[in-house]
């Protein structure tokens, strides 16, 4: 259980933590099927497959240690960057609209407010650009900083991502709580560098936090 008296910083994962991934998938499926009426079904499926291919590529990066230098620094770097811009546009259109419809998980607002009341700095630590997701959730400007693993050069579960953010924050890892939804990408690497962790929806919240 997190030690509230030692906390200086709390970082939040985004996907699966600030909002529900199962609900996101349902919202995307509904949009895809509406293509039967609008005549966009084939296009919808094609775009989702394009997003799926990029996710598979990034999963390969994770399995190889998490450094994205090989992806963006190779001989075909210009082509890869063009592909990334195309995927980014699709992500914002598909994920942004769906996230806005489903909203944040119910635990997020009360927990965020309770931590803010204690004067704890709160930041976002996600693999990818989160600004449009935060805006869709009504959380734009709710955090003191937003960190992207892709921009920093590492994807979870790379421990180096957490070490780099700790340096950016200027905080000792033991005074940093990372809130996520996955043991493999959030809990294990964060604990490996000395952070406190909380898996939202599984771990118990510190006694008295929400009633303080």
Protein backbone atom coordinates (compact mmCIF):
# COMPACT_ATOMS: atom_id res chain seq x y z
CA UNK A 1 0.00 0.00 0.00
CA UNK A 2 1.40 3.46 -0.87
CA UNK A 3 2.99 5.48 1.92
CA UNK A 4 1.20 8.83 1.66
CA UNK A 5 3.58 10.58 4.05
CA UNK A 6 6.51 10.02 1.69
CA UNK A 7 4.77 11.03 -1.55
CA UNK A 8 6.03 13.98 -3.57
CA UNK A 9 4.88 12.94 -7.05
CA UNK A 10 2.17 10.70 -8.50
CA UNK A 11 2.31 9.65 -12.14
CA UNK A 12 -0.70 8.29 -13.99
CA UNK A 13 -0.69 5.88 -16.88
CA UNK A 14 -3.40 6.74 -19.43
CA UNK A 15 -4.63 3.79 -21.49
CA UNK A 16 -6.56 1.44 -19.24
CA UNK A 17 -5.98 3.63 -16.19
CA UNK A 18 -7.64 6.99 -16.82
CA UNK A 19 -10.26 5.27 -18.98
CA UNK A 20 -11.53 1.72 -19.51
CA UNK A 21 -10.03 -0.22 -22.42
CA UNK A 22 -13.00 -2.64 -22.68
CA UNK A 23 -15.37 0.32 -22.97
CA UNK A 24 -13.08 1.90 -25.58
CA UNK A 25 -13.16 -1.29 -27.66
CA UNK A 26 -16.95 -1.37 -27.52
CA UNK A 27 -17.16 2.27 -28.61
CA UNK A 28 -14.80 1.62 -31.52
CA UNK A 29 -16.75 -1.49 -32.53
CA UNK A 30 -19.98 0.53 -32.56
CA UNK A 31 -18.39 3.18 -34.79
CA UNK A 32 -17.05 0.50 -37.12
CA UNK A 33 -20.46 -1.13 -37.50
CA UNK A 34 -22.12 2.22 -38.15
CA UNK A 35 -20.09 2.15 -41.32
CA UNK A 36 -22.69 -0.30 -42.67
CA UNK A 37 -25.15 2.60 -42.69
CA UNK A 38 -22.78 5.37 -43.74
CA UNK A 39 -20.98 3.38 -46.41
CA UNK A 40 -17.65 3.61 -44.54
CA UNK A 41 -17.39 0.01 -43.35
CA UNK A 42 -14.55 -1.00 -45.71
CA UNK A 43 -12.67 2.21 -44.97
CA UNK A 44 -13.20 1.79 -41.24
CA UNK A 45 -11.83 -1.74 -41.27
CA UNK A 46 -8.85 -0.68 -43.38
CA UNK A 47 -7.97 2.15 -40.98
CA UNK A 48 -8.28 -0.08 -37.91
CA UNK A 49 -6.00 -2.64 -39.53
CA UNK A 50 -3.47 0.13 -40.15
CA UNK A 51 -3.61 1.03 -36.46
CA UNK A 52 -3.24 -2.63 -35.55
CA UNK A 53 -0.11 -3.02 -37.68
CA UNK A 54 1.52 -0.04 -35.93
CA UNK A 55 0.64 -1.44 -32.49
CA UNK A 56 2.17 -4.78 -33.49
CA UNK A 57 5.34 -2.97 -34.56
CA UNK A 58 5.53 -1.17 -31.20
CA UNK A 59 4.92 -4.44 -29.35
CA UNK A 60 8.00 -5.74 -31.15
CA UNK A 61 9.92 -2.75 -29.80
CA UNK A 62 8.78 -3.64 -26.27
CA UNK A 63 9.93 -7.23 -26.64
CA UNK A 64 13.32 -6.00 -27.89
CA UNK A 65 13.90 -3.89 -24.77
CA UNK A 66 11.77 -0.80 -25.34
CA UNK A 67 14.22 1.50 -27.16
CA UNK A 68 12.62 3.09 -30.21
CA UNK A 69 15.93 4.32 -31.63
CA UNK A 70 16.07 1.40 -34.05
CA UNK A 71 12.63 2.28 -35.42
CA UNK A 72 13.28 5.97 -36.00
CA UNK A 73 17.01 5.86 -36.67
CA UNK A 74 17.27 3.31 -39.47
CA UNK A 75 17.81 3.82 -43.18
CA UNK A 76 14.05 4.13 -43.72
CA UNK A 77 13.60 6.68 -40.91
CA UNK A 78 11.84 9.21 -43.16
CA UNK A 79 9.32 6.61 -44.28
CA UNK A 80 8.72 5.48 -40.72
CA UNK A 81 8.12 9.05 -39.55
CA UNK A 82 5.63 9.61 -42.37
CA UNK A 83 3.83 6.42 -41.35
CA UNK A 84 3.80 7.60 -37.74
CA UNK A 85 2.17 10.90 -38.69
CA UNK A 86 -0.50 9.03 -40.61
CA UNK A 87 -1.10 6.71 -37.65
CA UNK A 88 -1.19 9.67 -35.25
CA UNK A 89 -3.97 11.25 -37.29
CA UNK A 90 -5.94 7.99 -37.22
CA UNK A 91 -5.37 7.57 -33.47
CA UNK A 92 -6.74 11.01 -32.71
CA UNK A 93 -9.79 10.46 -34.88
CA UNK A 94 -10.62 6.94 -33.71
CA UNK A 95 -9.44 6.97 -30.11
CA UNK A 96 -10.14 10.62 -29.32
CA UNK A 97 -13.80 10.45 -30.34
CA UNK A 98 -14.34 7.13 -28.55
CA UNK A 99 -12.61 8.30 -25.35
CA UNK A 100 -14.76 11.42 -25.28
CA UNK A 101 -17.88 9.23 -25.41
CA UNK A 102 -16.89 6.85 -22.62
CA UNK A 103 -15.27 9.38 -20.26
CA UNK A 104 -12.85 8.66 -17.39
CA UNK A 105 -13.05 5.73 -15.02
CA UNK A 106 -15.16 6.59 -11.98
CA UNK A 107 -12.22 6.24 -9.56
CA UNK A 108 -10.12 8.84 -11.34
CA UNK A 109 -11.85 12.08 -10.35
CA UNK A 110 -12.05 11.43 -6.58
CA UNK A 111 -8.50 10.05 -6.40
CA UNK A 112 -7.04 12.90 -8.44
CA UNK A 113 -8.86 15.46 -6.26
CA UNK A 114 -7.73 13.80 -3.01
CA UNK A 115 -4.09 13.80 -4.10
CA UNK A 116 -4.35 17.41 -5.26
CA UNK A 117 -5.78 18.36 -1.85
CA UNK A 118 -2.65 16.90 -0.25
CA UNK A 119 -0.45 19.09 -2.43
CA UNK A 120 1.07 16.16 -4.33
CA UNK A 121 2.38 16.87 -7.82
CA UNK A 122 0.57 14.79 -10.44
CA UNK A 123 1.90 13.98 -13.91
CA UNK A 124 1.04 11.70 -16.79
CA UNK A 125 3.43 8.95 -17.90
CA UNK A 126 2.21 7.14 -21.00
CA UNK A 127 3.87 5.47 -23.97
CA UNK A 128 2.44 7.90 -26.51
CA UNK A 129 1.13 11.44 -26.94
CA UNK A 130 -1.68 11.91 -24.44
CA UNK A 131 -2.73 15.54 -24.85
CA UNK A 132 -5.69 14.76 -27.10
CA UNK A 133 -6.79 11.90 -24.81
CA UNK A 134 -6.66 14.14 -21.74
CA UNK A 135 -8.70 16.77 -23.57
CA UNK A 136 -11.26 14.14 -24.59
CA UNK A 137 -11.53 13.04 -20.95
CA UNK A 138 -12.02 16.59 -19.73
CA UNK A 139 -8.62 16.44 -18.00
CA UNK A 140 -6.71 18.91 -20.12
CA UNK A 141 -4.60 21.01 -17.76
CA UNK A 142 -5.30 18.68 -14.81
CA UNK A 143 -1.68 17.52 -14.55
CA UNK A 144 1.57 19.33 -13.80
CA UNK A 145 3.41 17.66 -16.70
CA UNK A 146 2.76 15.10 -19.43
CA UNK A 147 5.51 12.62 -20.36
CA UNK A 148 5.51 10.50 -23.51
CA UNK A 149 7.72 7.43 -23.66
CA UNK A 150 7.86 7.71 -27.43
CA UNK A 151 9.20 11.28 -27.16
CA UNK A 152 11.71 10.23 -24.50
CA UNK A 153 12.91 7.26 -26.56
CA UNK A 154 11.59 4.35 -24.48
CA UNK A 155 8.37 2.34 -24.28
CA UNK A 156 7.14 0.49 -21.20
CA UNK A 157 8.19 -1.80 -19.65
CA UNK A 158 11.69 -0.33 -20.14
CA UNK A 159 13.05 0.62 -16.73
CA UNK A 160 15.08 3.40 -18.35
CA UNK A 161 11.84 5.28 -19.06
CA UNK A 162 11.11 5.47 -15.33
CA UNK A 163 14.69 6.43 -14.49
CA UNK A 164 14.63 9.21 -17.07
CA UNK A 165 11.34 10.61 -15.78
CA UNK A 166 12.64 10.47 -12.19
CA UNK A 167 15.56 12.64 -13.29
CA UNK A 168 13.20 15.01 -15.10
CA UNK A 169 11.04 15.28 -11.99
CA UNK A 170 13.98 15.63 -9.65
CA UNK A 171 12.41 13.16 -7.22
CA UNK A 172 13.76 10.15 -5.37
CA UNK A 173 11.96 7.05 -6.69
CA UNK A 174 10.73 6.05 -3.23
CA UNK A 175 8.81 9.35 -3.05
CA UNK A 176 7.10 8.68 -6.38
CA UNK A 177 3.88 6.67 -6.79
CA UNK A 178 3.04 5.34 -10.24
CA UNK A 179 -0.62 4.47 -10.88
CA UNK A 180 -1.30 2.08 -13.74
CA UNK A 181 -3.43 -0.85 -14.83
CA UNK A 182 -0.83 -3.46 -15.80
CA UNK A 183 1.61 -5.44 -13.70
CA UNK A 184 4.02 -6.03 -16.59
CA UNK A 185 4.22 -2.47 -17.94
CA UNK A 186 3.47 -0.40 -14.84
CA UNK A 187 4.13 -2.23 -11.59
CA UNK A 188 7.22 -4.30 -12.34
CA UNK A 189 9.41 -1.67 -14.05
CA UNK A 190 8.38 1.08 -11.62
CA UNK A 191 9.15 -1.09 -8.61
CA UNK A 192 12.42 -2.16 -10.17
CA UNK A 193 13.67 1.41 -10.02
CA UNK A 194 12.34 1.92 -6.47
CA UNK A 195 8.94 3.57 -7.04
CA UNK A 196 5.78 2.89 -5.12
CA UNK A 197 2.98 1.52 -7.31
CA UNK A 198 -0.79 1.16 -7.39
CA UNK A 199 -2.75 -0.93 -9.88
CA UNK A 200 -6.05 0.90 -10.19
CA UNK A 201 -9.06 -1.34 -9.70
CA UNK A 202 -7.01 -4.09 -8.04
CA UNK A 203 -4.98 -2.59 -5.19
CA UNK A 204 -6.55 -1.07 -2.11
CA UNK A 205 -6.27 2.69 -1.77
CA UNK A 206 -4.50 4.04 1.31
CA UNK A 207 -6.87 4.21 4.28
CA UNK A 208 -8.48 7.61 4.66
CA UNK A 209 -7.22 9.05 1.39
CA UNK A 210 -10.62 9.69 -0.19
CA UNK A 211 -12.28 10.65 3.09
CA UNK A 212 -9.54 13.06 4.18
